[in-house]
Every structure is written in structure tokens, then in C-alpha cells.
Amino acid sequence: MKKIKRPFWSLLFLALLLSGCAGESAAGLKTTLPYAPQPQYEWGNTAKTTLTLWSQEPDIERVYMQKAIAAYEAATGNRIEIVQYPQAEFEDTTARAFAGETQAPDLLLSYGGANIDAYDPDENFYDFSDAVWVSDLTDTSINQTVYHGKIIGLPHWEASVAGFLYNKQIFERLGIKLPETQEEFMDACAVLLKNGVVPMYVPFQSPSMLLYQFPFDSVVQDAAILNALNEGELSYSRLPQMKKIVEWYKAMAQAGYFGQELEKNSWEGMSEALSSGSYAMMPCWDTWLYTDFQGDASNFGLMPAFMGVPDSGVFEGPNLALVIVNRHSEKLEAALDFVTFLADPYNYNQAFAGLYTAPVFKNQVASISTPQYAEAERLIERHYYDSTAWLRIRGFSQNDASCIIEYILSDDMTATECLKKMDALRARRLDSQKDGAVKEGES
């Protein structure tokens, strides 16, 4: 784990924030922005308190999170101590902490859904159902905050749409039209490779970035399939659609459409790969072009993800990280104060000002949709699926894509064997969660 330092731009933002020329708020902040000229909620009632916030890398380093934290510390005199864990360690470390094995944090930045069962949210997370800011959440965002009928966290996050990012200049130069079917997509890949361009960059060193949930979302939109998976009546290896999905990865790799040394591809190499022009596409979300990409975002468009199923491709809706409060924290009042600060339109509009994202709050007017979304809006409407696999399948993990990587690199593993390995990992995770619940109940 590591603690992060405040970067220079956070201090610059703070200086600008404190030197505004409009009306001064009760909290002592000034703003030149044309919306929410003063705080809308009550916050700033605690002082000289240090709150610990846990996050998985690199979520807390988002620009809007850093801006909001810096503003909160300046406004209140409180401090947010950030502790980051690598993705592979975050879930287990957090689960053990909320099981009482180690000291739990005051605050947690985590995605919601069925896969936070290991943290026993009913017992450990504060219920925000009556919070003043709940009515300000959009329908898309509020759906991701609900756990067992309760609002368990604040979605202070960017709302993105995911599919395949593609280099418009390369497609135009080679006369490639946007594919409308899986077959047309594979034909486009063949043209790209023939002309010396690797069709697709995937950071295989980060299994979670294989993003197999994109096509899987379309499968579990069927409530019967979703319920059967969650009740243990169905498994990945018995779903023909899942077989098509993993076979898509194998076919892409065997054709050379991921490149020759795909296992060396990393998260850190994503920006360079796309900006170099050596790769034409990458599975990702539109806002990444404005939060992480170092190249010219205007060179890229957003098209459906053609990953085996469905034939017409998919766009996936946003996955929103939540700021969650440990209801057993000795600093509960201060932790709730921090969340109220983040939820205030006066503050979140400053944190998200000028950033490319769809709003997660109804009064979020300072952010703007990405040009990629605007350009593909009608296409998105036709092929859009809510994020379902990640949020609603019990035991689901993006990291189970490690089995897909093994399948890709193996000479003799079958698609069914790959899926059975994924089933085993999911079953082990579910058993671990059940064991944890039993132990908690016994204690």
C-alpha cells in the first residue's frame, strides 16, 4: 500500500479557489462560478480531524477527487489521509478490516453491487437513505448506490460510456467504415493488420482490463439467466454466450489482432499505444481520453464493442465508485461531514468544472459530455446496456479474466476448460464470503 502526496496542480487549484472574486460563503470559500454561489448543505461542523480513506489504485488520483479533497481540507482544517492498495489486494484487505481482523478505515472508495458482500455492508456501512443529497442523484447513479434497499454511498465519480475507442484518422486513411456486425469488425481488423496497424491494444498485464463484462452485460440482461447464476443453478461453462466471448479473445490473438507480444501490454502502456498510431482500437470508456490519455483525444471516436456477442456490439453504461462511510468509525460525524461536503452542488460543480463526464447529480452543470459521446449518441442509444455483470452477479470479478489470458496463451486448453476455471474462482469467492458471514454471525 502507499500514501499519495498532493501534486502541484492541487495546490494551484486551491490558490485559485481561495482567490475568487464573487460572494463569500459561510464556510469561508469564494467562487467566480455562475452556479451554486454558496453552499447548499450544512457541513464544516468538525475541525482538526484526520480521516482515513482507503482506495484501490489509482482511483483516488482522479482529478475531481483530488480537487474536492484539497478544497475540503482548506475549508475545514480537517485532513484526509489516503491509503491506496493494488487492485489485487484491495478486496481481501478491506474484507479483513471490516471483519474486525485489522483496523477499518473511516471512509472507503469502492464500487457497489453484489460483490461487496464480503464487506458486510448491512453491518458496516452507513445508511444514507435519508440524506439530503439523495434526491439530487440521477436515475443512473442512484441505481448503483443501492444495496439491500439502502443507499450505501455517494457516487462522486465520472459517468462514462464504454465500447471500443478507435483512431478515426487510421480508419479514414484505410477506407474502413464503422462495423455494424461481428463479421464486419473482423474484416476491419484484417484490413488494419494487412496495412501494418495492430487492430487492438489490450493491457493483458492487468486482467481486469480485458473487460469481458462488456459483452456479458447483454447476456445477464435476461433476468432468468442472472437469477440462475446467483442461485447456483447455472455456471459460466454452461452458457453458450460465454463460450463465444472467450473464443473471441482466442481468435483475435491467433489472428495477430492483439499484436505479437500481447502479454507485455500494460495499463501504463495504453496511452502510448494509442497515441503512437501503431494500434487502431482499445476497449475502454470515453472519459479515459480526458482523464488518462496523453495524446490528442480528438483523433478518437467511440464505437460498439464487438466481443463475440451480441452480433451488433455493445456500449456499457458507467460504473460509479462510491464514497462509503464506516458506521462504526470513532470519527463518524467528521466522515459524514466530508460526504455532505462532496455532495453539495457548490462543491461538486467546482470539482467537476470543465471535465468530460455525464452528470451523476441532477444539478451537475459544470461538466460536459465527451465529444465522442455526442458524436455516437444515436448509436449508443441503440446498443446501450447498463453495467449489470459487475454489479449484479454474485462473486463476479474482472480479475477472473486471468483464465482467459491462460486460455489465449495455451496450446491445448479449451474454451470450456477456461470457463470451468472461471467458475471455480467465482465459487471459491462465494464460499469465502459465506464463511465470513458465518464467522461474523457466530461471533
Protein backbone atom coordinates (compact mmCIF):
# COMPACT_ATOMS: atom_id res chain seq x y z
CA MET A 1 0.00 0.00 0.00
CA LYS A 2 1.07 3.62 -0.40
CA LYS A 3 0.07 7.09 0.64
CA ILE A 4 -0.05 9.71 -2.08
CA LYS A 5 1.27 13.23 -1.92
CA ARG A 6 -0.62 16.30 -3.03
CA PRO A 7 0.51 17.14 -6.55
CA PHE A 8 1.30 20.67 -7.64
CA TRP A 9 -1.96 21.14 -9.55
CA SER A 10 -3.96 20.52 -6.36
CA LEU A 11 -2.17 23.43 -4.74
CA LEU A 12 -2.70 25.56 -7.82
CA PHE A 13 -6.43 24.79 -7.77
CA LEU A 14 -6.58 25.66 -4.11
CA ALA A 15 -4.90 29.01 -4.73
CA LEU A 16 -7.37 29.83 -7.49
CA LEU A 17 -10.28 28.70 -5.36
CA LEU A 18 -9.31 30.91 -2.46
CA SER A 19 -8.67 33.95 -4.66
CA GLY A 20 -12.16 34.05 -6.27
CA CYS A 21 -13.94 37.36 -6.61
CA ALA A 22 -17.61 36.53 -6.03
CA GLY A 23 -19.65 36.24 -2.85
CA GLU A 24 -18.08 34.57 0.18
CA SER A 25 -19.79 31.53 1.70
CA ALA A 26 -20.38 30.67 5.31
CA ALA A 27 -17.53 28.21 5.05
CA GLY A 28 -15.09 30.92 4.04
CA LEU A 29 -14.74 29.93 0.37
CA LYS A 30 -15.20 32.26 -2.58
CA THR A 31 -16.25 31.38 -6.10
CA THR A 32 -16.40 33.04 -9.51
CA LEU A 33 -18.57 30.24 -10.92
CA PRO A 34 -22.12 31.05 -12.14
CA TYR A 35 -23.82 28.23 -10.21
CA ALA A 36 -24.45 27.48 -6.56
CA PRO A 37 -22.78 30.71 -5.36
CA GLN A 38 -22.83 29.43 -1.80
CA PRO A 39 -23.03 26.07 -0.02
CA GLN A 40 -26.43 24.40 -0.22
CA TYR A 41 -25.99 21.97 2.69
CA GLU A 42 -24.64 22.18 6.21
CA TRP A 43 -21.06 20.98 6.55
CA GLY A 44 -17.85 22.16 8.19
CA ASN A 45 -19.03 21.34 11.71
CA THR A 46 -15.88 19.44 12.70
CA ALA A 47 -12.29 20.63 12.85
CA LYS A 48 -8.75 19.33 13.30
CA THR A 49 -9.80 15.79 12.49
CA THR A 50 -7.87 13.30 10.36
CA LEU A 51 -9.97 10.82 8.41
CA THR A 52 -8.52 7.71 6.81
CA LEU A 53 -9.77 6.88 3.29
CA TRP A 54 -8.94 3.60 1.58
CA SER A 55 -8.94 3.24 -2.18
CA GLN A 56 -7.66 0.84 -4.80
CA GLU A 57 -5.00 2.17 -7.14
CA PRO A 58 -5.32 4.52 -8.95
CA ASP A 59 -8.95 5.54 -8.29
CA ILE A 60 -8.33 8.29 -5.75
CA GLU A 61 -5.94 10.05 -8.12
CA ARG A 62 -8.79 11.21 -10.36
CA VAL A 63 -8.58 14.96 -10.87
CA TYR A 64 -12.02 15.67 -9.40
CA MET A 65 -11.31 13.59 -6.28
CA GLN A 66 -8.06 15.41 -5.64
CA LYS A 67 -9.68 18.81 -6.20
CA ALA A 68 -12.54 18.01 -3.84
CA ILE A 69 -10.25 16.68 -1.10
CA ALA A 70 -7.95 19.71 -1.33
CA ALA A 71 -10.94 22.05 -1.13
CA TYR A 72 -12.38 20.20 1.86
CA GLU A 73 -9.12 20.32 3.76
CA ALA A 74 -8.77 24.03 3.07
CA ALA A 75 -12.36 24.81 4.05
CA THR A 76 -12.48 22.82 7.28
CA GLY A 77 -8.93 22.35 8.53
CA ASN A 78 -9.56 18.60 8.59
CA ARG A 79 -7.26 16.17 6.81
CA ILE A 80 -7.96 13.16 4.59
CA GLU A 81 -5.25 10.52 4.96
CA ILE A 82 -5.32 8.44 1.77
CA VAL A 83 -4.15 4.84 1.68
CA GLN A 84 -4.09 3.06 -1.68
CA TYR A 85 -3.91 -0.68 -2.28
CA PRO A 86 -3.11 -2.51 -5.50
CA GLN A 87 -6.24 -3.87 -7.16
CA ALA A 88 -5.33 -7.46 -6.34
CA GLU A 89 -5.01 -6.67 -2.61
CA PHE A 90 -7.82 -4.19 -2.11
CA GLU A 91 -10.76 -6.59 -1.77
CA ASP A 92 -9.09 -9.01 0.61
CA THR A 93 -7.56 -6.25 2.77
CA THR A 94 -10.86 -4.42 3.01
CA ALA A 95 -12.81 -7.59 3.79
CA ARG A 96 -10.45 -8.50 6.63
CA ALA A 97 -10.64 -4.99 8.05
CA PHE A 98 -14.44 -4.95 8.14
CA ALA A 99 -14.42 -8.46 9.60
CA GLY A 100 -12.56 -6.99 12.58
CA GLU A 101 -9.19 -8.57 11.87
CA THR A 102 -7.49 -5.18 11.36
CA GLN A 103 -8.36 -1.54 11.85
CA ALA A 104 -11.00 -0.46 9.33
CA PRO A 105 -10.85 2.96 7.64
CA ASP A 106 -13.23 5.83 8.32
CA LEU A 107 -14.00 6.12 4.61
CA LEU A 108 -13.87 3.77 1.66
CA LEU A 109 -13.83 4.49 -2.07
CA SER A 110 -15.32 1.39 -3.67
CA TYR A 111 -17.71 0.24 -6.35
CA GLY A 112 -21.01 -1.17 -5.12
CA GLY A 113 -23.21 -4.01 -6.28
CA ALA A 114 -23.36 -7.65 -5.28
CA ASN A 115 -19.61 -8.01 -4.94
CA ILE A 116 -19.17 -6.00 -1.79
CA ASP A 117 -20.91 -8.74 0.20
CA ALA A 118 -17.51 -9.59 1.67
CA TYR A 119 -17.52 -6.24 3.48
CA ASP A 120 -20.90 -6.98 5.16
CA PRO A 121 -22.39 -3.60 4.17
CA ASP A 122 -25.57 -4.10 6.23
CA GLU A 123 -23.45 -4.27 9.36
CA ASN A 124 -20.60 -1.93 8.49
CA PHE A 125 -21.73 0.82 6.08
CA TYR A 126 -23.68 3.91 6.99
CA ASP A 127 -27.19 4.09 5.51
CA PHE A 128 -27.60 7.34 3.56
CA SER A 129 -31.21 6.69 2.51
CA ASP A 130 -32.43 9.81 4.34
CA ALA A 131 -29.51 12.04 3.32
CA VAL A 132 -30.41 15.42 1.90
CA TRP A 133 -28.50 14.78 -1.32
CA VAL A 134 -30.23 11.54 -2.39
CA SER A 135 -32.92 13.41 -4.36
CA ASP A 136 -30.14 15.10 -6.38
CA LEU A 137 -28.86 11.79 -7.82
CA THR A 138 -29.72 10.85 -11.40
CA ASP A 139 -31.52 7.56 -12.04
CA THR A 140 -28.32 6.05 -13.48
CA SER A 141 -26.28 6.92 -10.41
CA ILE A 142 -28.82 6.06 -7.73
CA ASN A 143 -29.19 2.54 -9.11
CA GLN A 144 -25.53 1.91 -8.36
CA THR A 145 -25.74 3.13 -4.77
CA VAL A 146 -28.41 0.67 -3.62
CA TYR A 147 -27.55 -2.37 -1.52
CA HIS A 148 -30.39 -4.35 0.06
CA GLY A 149 -32.69 -1.39 -0.45
CA LYS A 150 -30.38 1.14 1.22
CA ILE A 151 -28.20 3.94 -0.15
CA ILE A 152 -24.72 2.93 0.99
CA GLY A 153 -22.53 5.62 -0.54
CA LEU A 154 -22.17 8.81 -2.54
CA PRO A 155 -21.37 8.36 -6.27
CA HIS A 156 -18.79 11.15 -6.58
CA TRP A 157 -17.42 9.85 -9.89
CA GLU A 158 -17.38 10.35 -13.64
CA ALA A 159 -20.18 8.76 -15.66
CA SER A 160 -18.67 7.23 -18.76
CA VAL A 161 -19.84 5.12 -21.69
CA ALA A 162 -17.61 2.26 -22.75
CA GLY A 163 -17.02 0.46 -26.02
CA PHE A 164 -14.07 0.42 -28.41
CA LEU A 165 -12.06 3.62 -28.80
CA TYR A 166 -10.87 3.82 -32.40
CA ASN A 167 -8.45 6.03 -34.30
CA LYS A 168 -10.62 7.95 -36.78
CA GLN A 169 -7.65 9.02 -38.89
CA ILE A 170 -6.46 5.44 -39.41
CA PHE A 171 -9.97 4.24 -40.28
CA GLU A 172 -10.42 7.10 -42.76
CA ARG A 173 -7.00 6.60 -44.35
CA LEU A 174 -7.67 2.91 -44.94
CA GLY A 175 -11.26 3.45 -46.02
CA ILE A 176 -12.68 1.42 -43.14
CA LYS A 177 -16.32 2.09 -42.30
CA LEU A 178 -17.55 1.56 -38.77
CA PRO A 179 -18.55 -2.11 -38.49
CA GLU A 180 -22.15 -2.98 -37.73
CA THR A 181 -21.70 -6.72 -37.12
CA GLN A 182 -19.11 -9.05 -35.64
CA GLU A 183 -18.15 -10.22 -39.12
CA GLU A 184 -17.60 -6.66 -40.35
CA PHE A 185 -15.47 -5.98 -37.28
CA MET A 186 -13.21 -8.94 -38.00
CA ASP A 187 -12.95 -7.82 -41.62
CA ALA A 188 -11.84 -4.37 -40.42
CA CYS A 189 -9.19 -6.00 -38.22
CA ALA A 190 -7.88 -7.90 -41.25
CA VAL A 191 -7.55 -4.68 -43.27
CA LEU A 192 -5.74 -2.95 -40.41
CA LEU A 193 -3.22 -5.75 -39.92
CA LYS A 194 -2.61 -6.04 -43.66
CA ASN A 195 -1.65 -2.36 -43.66
CA GLY A 196 0.78 -2.64 -40.74
CA VAL A 197 -1.53 -1.45 -37.95
CA VAL A 198 -2.21 -3.69 -34.94
CA PRO A 199 -6.01 -3.68 -34.62
CA MET A 200 -6.42 -3.79 -30.84
CA TYR A 201 -4.42 -2.86 -27.73
CA VAL A 202 -5.43 -4.72 -24.57
CA PRO A 203 -3.31 -4.40 -21.37
CA PHE A 204 -3.01 -8.11 -20.64
CA GLN A 205 -0.79 -7.47 -17.61
CA SER A 206 -3.95 -6.12 -15.94
CA PRO A 207 -6.51 -8.94 -16.27
CA SER A 208 -9.34 -6.67 -15.16
CA MET A 209 -8.80 -4.61 -18.32
CA LEU A 210 -9.86 -7.47 -20.58
CA LEU A 211 -13.32 -6.11 -19.73
CA TYR A 212 -15.20 -9.30 -20.52
CA GLN A 213 -18.19 -7.79 -18.72
CA PHE A 214 -18.89 -5.60 -21.77
CA PRO A 215 -20.46 -8.42 -23.81
CA PHE A 216 -21.55 -10.31 -20.68
CA ASP A 217 -23.84 -7.40 -19.72
CA SER A 218 -26.01 -8.19 -22.71
CA VAL A 219 -26.33 -11.82 -21.58
CA VAL A 220 -27.38 -11.11 -17.99
CA GLN A 221 -29.94 -8.53 -19.02
CA ASP A 222 -32.06 -11.68 -19.11
CA ALA A 223 -33.30 -11.85 -15.52
CA ALA A 224 -33.70 -15.63 -15.72
CA ILE A 225 -30.01 -16.06 -16.54
CA LEU A 226 -28.91 -13.57 -13.87
CA ASN A 227 -31.04 -15.22 -11.18
CA ALA A 228 -29.89 -18.71 -12.18
CA LEU A 229 -26.24 -17.63 -11.89
CA ASN A 230 -26.86 -16.08 -8.49
CA GLU A 231 -28.82 -19.09 -7.22
CA GLY A 232 -26.12 -21.54 -8.33
CA GLU A 233 -28.39 -23.15 -10.92
CA LEU A 234 -26.21 -22.02 -13.84
CA SER A 235 -22.48 -21.55 -14.43
CA TYR A 236 -20.31 -19.76 -16.97
CA SER A 237 -19.31 -23.05 -18.57
CA ARG A 238 -22.96 -23.85 -19.30
CA LEU A 239 -23.62 -20.55 -21.07
CA PRO A 240 -23.03 -20.74 -24.84
CA GLN A 241 -22.71 -16.95 -24.95
CA MET A 242 -19.77 -17.08 -22.54
CA LYS A 243 -18.10 -19.65 -24.76
CA LYS A 244 -18.42 -17.24 -27.68
CA ILE A 245 -16.92 -14.44 -25.59
CA VAL A 246 -13.76 -16.31 -24.56
CA GLU A 247 -13.40 -17.76 -28.06
CA TRP A 248 -13.43 -14.21 -29.39
CA TYR A 249 -10.29 -13.41 -27.37
CA LYS A 250 -8.58 -16.57 -28.65
CA ALA A 251 -9.49 -15.87 -32.27
CA MET A 252 -8.25 -12.28 -32.01
CA ALA A 253 -4.95 -13.43 -30.50
CA GLN A 254 -4.38 -16.23 -33.01
CA ALA A 255 -5.01 -13.85 -35.92
CA GLY A 256 -2.42 -11.42 -34.52
CA TYR A 257 -5.04 -8.76 -33.88
CA PHE A 258 -3.69 -8.08 -30.35
CA GLY A 259 -0.07 -7.89 -31.55
CA GLN A 260 2.82 -10.33 -31.27
CA GLU A 261 3.86 -9.80 -27.63
CA LEU A 262 0.47 -9.15 -26.13
CA GLU A 263 1.44 -10.46 -22.68
CA LYS A 264 3.78 -7.44 -22.32
CA ASN A 265 0.95 -4.95 -22.76
CA SER A 266 0.25 -3.00 -19.55
CA TRP A 267 -2.06 -0.32 -18.20
CA GLU A 268 0.86 2.09 -18.26
CA GLY A 269 1.32 1.46 -21.99
CA MET A 270 -2.25 2.29 -23.01
CA SER A 271 -1.70 5.96 -23.71
CA GLU A 272 1.49 5.46 -25.69
CA ALA A 273 -0.01 2.61 -27.69
CA LEU A 274 -2.94 4.68 -28.90
CA SER A 275 -1.06 7.94 -29.43
CA SER A 276 1.68 6.19 -31.44
CA GLY A 277 -0.66 5.16 -34.24
CA SER A 278 0.67 1.60 -34.01
CA TYR A 279 -2.70 0.42 -32.67
CA ALA A 280 -6.11 1.32 -34.05
CA MET A 281 -8.51 0.41 -31.21
CA MET A 282 -8.78 -0.31 -27.50
CA PRO A 283 -11.67 -1.45 -25.26
CA CYS A 284 -12.21 1.42 -22.83
CA TRP A 285 -14.56 4.18 -21.67
CA ASP A 286 -14.89 7.59 -23.30
CA THR A 287 -13.77 9.69 -20.32
CA TRP A 288 -10.40 7.89 -20.22
CA LEU A 289 -9.40 10.04 -23.18
CA TYR A 290 -9.66 13.07 -20.89
CA THR A 291 -8.52 11.65 -17.54
CA ASP A 292 -5.54 9.49 -18.54
CA PHE A 293 -4.72 9.82 -22.24
CA GLN A 294 -1.62 11.85 -23.09
CA GLY A 295 -2.34 12.19 -26.81
CA ASP A 296 -4.89 14.11 -28.90
CA ALA A 297 -8.33 12.90 -27.83
CA SER A 298 -9.96 14.47 -30.88
CA ASN A 299 -8.35 11.79 -33.07
CA PHE A 300 -10.53 9.11 -31.49
CA GLY A 301 -14.13 8.03 -31.70
CA LEU A 302 -16.25 5.56 -29.77
CA MET A 303 -17.84 2.52 -31.43
CA PRO A 304 -19.63 -0.56 -30.07
CA ALA A 305 -17.52 -3.31 -28.53
CA PHE A 306 -17.66 -6.36 -30.80
CA MET A 307 -16.59 -9.15 -28.47
CA GLY A 308 -18.39 -12.21 -29.73
CA VAL A 309 -21.89 -11.34 -28.50
CA PRO A 310 -24.20 -9.72 -29.35
CA ASP A 311 -23.60 -9.57 -33.08
CA SER A 312 -24.36 -5.83 -33.25
CA GLY A 313 -21.91 -4.96 -30.44
CA VAL A 314 -22.43 -3.21 -27.11
CA PHE A 315 -21.88 0.02 -25.25
CA GLU A 316 -21.66 -0.31 -21.49
CA GLY A 317 -23.04 2.28 -19.10
CA PRO A 318 -20.98 3.74 -16.25
CA ASN A 319 -19.61 2.02 -13.18
CA LEU A 320 -19.57 4.56 -10.38
CA ALA A 321 -17.27 4.38 -7.39
CA LEU A 322 -18.92 5.32 -4.10
CA VAL A 323 -17.61 7.23 -1.12
CA ILE A 324 -18.70 4.98 1.74
CA VAL A 325 -18.66 5.66 5.48
CA ASN A 326 -17.74 3.10 8.14
CA ARG A 327 -20.68 3.44 10.50
CA HIS A 328 -18.55 2.14 13.39
CA SER A 329 -15.91 4.83 12.92
CA GLU A 330 -14.97 6.79 16.03
CA LYS A 331 -14.95 9.82 13.72
CA LEU A 332 -18.38 9.19 12.25
CA GLU A 333 -19.54 12.80 12.49
CA ALA A 334 -16.49 14.05 10.58
CA ALA A 335 -16.81 11.29 7.96
CA LEU A 336 -20.45 12.21 7.33
CA ASP A 337 -19.44 15.86 7.14
CA PHE A 338 -16.95 15.03 4.39
CA VAL A 339 -19.58 13.19 2.34
CA THR A 340 -22.03 16.07 2.72
CA PHE A 341 -19.30 18.43 1.50
CA LEU A 342 -18.73 16.28 -1.59
CA ALA A 343 -22.49 16.10 -2.28
CA ASP A 344 -23.01 19.86 -2.12
CA PRO A 345 -23.66 21.35 -5.62
CA TYR A 346 -21.45 24.28 -4.60
CA ASN A 347 -18.53 21.88 -4.22
CA TYR A 348 -19.07 19.17 -6.81
CA ASN A 349 -19.59 21.70 -9.59
CA GLN A 350 -16.19 23.15 -8.79
CA ALA A 351 -14.60 19.69 -8.61
CA PHE A 352 -16.06 18.62 -11.97
CA ALA A 353 -15.82 22.02 -13.71
CA GLY A 354 -14.75 21.64 -17.33
CA LEU A 355 -14.30 17.87 -17.07
CA TYR A 356 -15.73 15.49 -19.63
CA THR A 357 -18.39 13.37 -17.98
CA ALA A 358 -22.12 12.84 -17.99
CA PRO A 359 -23.64 14.16 -14.75
CA VAL A 360 -24.25 11.90 -11.78
CA PHE A 361 -26.10 14.70 -9.96
CA LYS A 362 -29.18 16.48 -11.31
CA ASN A 363 -27.61 19.86 -10.53
CA GLN A 364 -24.23 18.98 -12.04
CA VAL A 365 -23.95 21.68 -14.71
CA ALA A 366 -20.23 22.44 -14.81
CA SER A 367 -19.13 19.21 -16.53
CA ILE A 368 -19.67 18.39 -20.19
CA SER A 369 -20.27 15.25 -22.23
CA THR A 370 -17.33 13.97 -24.25
CA PRO A 371 -17.25 14.77 -27.97
CA GLN A 372 -17.04 11.00 -28.51
CA TYR A 373 -20.37 10.52 -26.76
CA ALA A 374 -22.00 13.38 -28.65
CA GLU A 375 -20.79 12.02 -31.98
CA ALA A 376 -22.02 8.46 -31.27
CA GLU A 377 -25.13 9.33 -29.27
CA ARG A 378 -27.68 7.75 -31.63
CA LEU A 379 -25.57 4.63 -32.00
CA ILE A 380 -25.21 4.43 -28.22
CA GLU A 381 -28.98 4.63 -27.77
CA ARG A 382 -29.41 1.56 -29.99
CA HIS A 383 -26.70 -0.63 -28.44
CA TYR A 384 -26.52 0.57 -24.81
CA TYR A 385 -26.59 -1.81 -21.84
CA ASP A 386 -26.49 -0.92 -18.17
CA SER A 387 -23.50 -2.23 -16.27
CA THR A 388 -25.01 -5.44 -14.91
CA ALA A 389 -22.46 -8.26 -14.75
CA TRP A 390 -20.07 -6.40 -12.47
CA LEU A 391 -22.77 -5.06 -10.17
CA ARG A 392 -25.34 -7.85 -10.04
CA ILE A 393 -23.60 -11.21 -10.46
CA ARG A 394 -22.59 -12.51 -7.05
CA GLY A 395 -18.94 -13.45 -6.98
CA PHE A 396 -18.16 -11.74 -10.28
CA SER A 397 -14.62 -10.45 -10.67
CA GLN A 398 -12.91 -8.77 -13.60
CA ASN A 399 -9.70 -10.43 -12.46
CA ASP A 400 -11.09 -13.85 -13.42
CA ALA A 401 -10.05 -12.83 -16.93
CA SER A 402 -6.68 -14.26 -15.89
CA CYS A 403 -8.20 -17.58 -17.03
CA ILE A 404 -8.90 -16.07 -20.45
CA ILE A 405 -5.27 -14.99 -20.70
CA GLU A 406 -4.17 -18.52 -19.80
CA TYR A 407 -6.51 -19.86 -22.49
CA ILE A 408 -5.13 -17.43 -25.08
CA LEU A 409 -1.53 -18.40 -24.38
CA SER A 410 -2.19 -22.14 -24.08
CA ASP A 411 -1.84 -24.61 -26.94
CA ASP A 412 -4.22 -27.19 -25.53
CA MET A 413 -6.71 -25.54 -23.14
CA THR A 414 -10.28 -25.48 -24.44
CA ALA A 415 -12.84 -22.70 -24.05
CA THR A 416 -14.89 -24.94 -21.77
CA GLU A 417 -11.86 -25.61 -19.54
CA CYS A 418 -11.24 -21.87 -19.38
CA LEU A 419 -14.80 -21.23 -18.26
CA LYS A 420 -14.66 -24.03 -15.68
CA LYS A 421 -11.59 -22.35 -14.17
CA MET A 422 -13.52 -19.08 -14.03
CA ASP A 423 -16.41 -20.94 -12.39
CA ALA A 424 -14.03 -22.34 -9.79
CA LEU A 425 -12.61 -18.92 -8.93
CA ARG A 426 -16.09 -17.47 -8.59
CA ALA A 427 -17.25 -20.42 -6.44
CA ARG A 428 -14.23 -20.03 -4.17
CA ARG A 429 -15.01 -16.34 -3.77
CA LEU A 430 -18.64 -17.07 -2.92
CA ASP A 431 -17.63 -19.74 -0.40
CA SER A 432 -15.22 -17.31 1.21
CA GLN A 433 -17.98 -14.74 1.55
CA LYS A 434 -20.32 -17.33 3.09
CA ASP A 435 -17.64 -18.46 5.54
CA GLY A 436 -17.04 -14.87 6.52
CA ALA A 437 -20.75 -14.36 7.12
CA VAL A 438 -20.94 -17.49 9.28
CA LYS A 439 -17.95 -16.46 11.36
CA GLU A 440 -19.39 -12.97 11.79
CA GLY A 441 -22.69 -14.47 12.90
CA GLU A 442 -21.02 -16.85 15.35
CA SER A 443 -19.07 -14.05 16.91
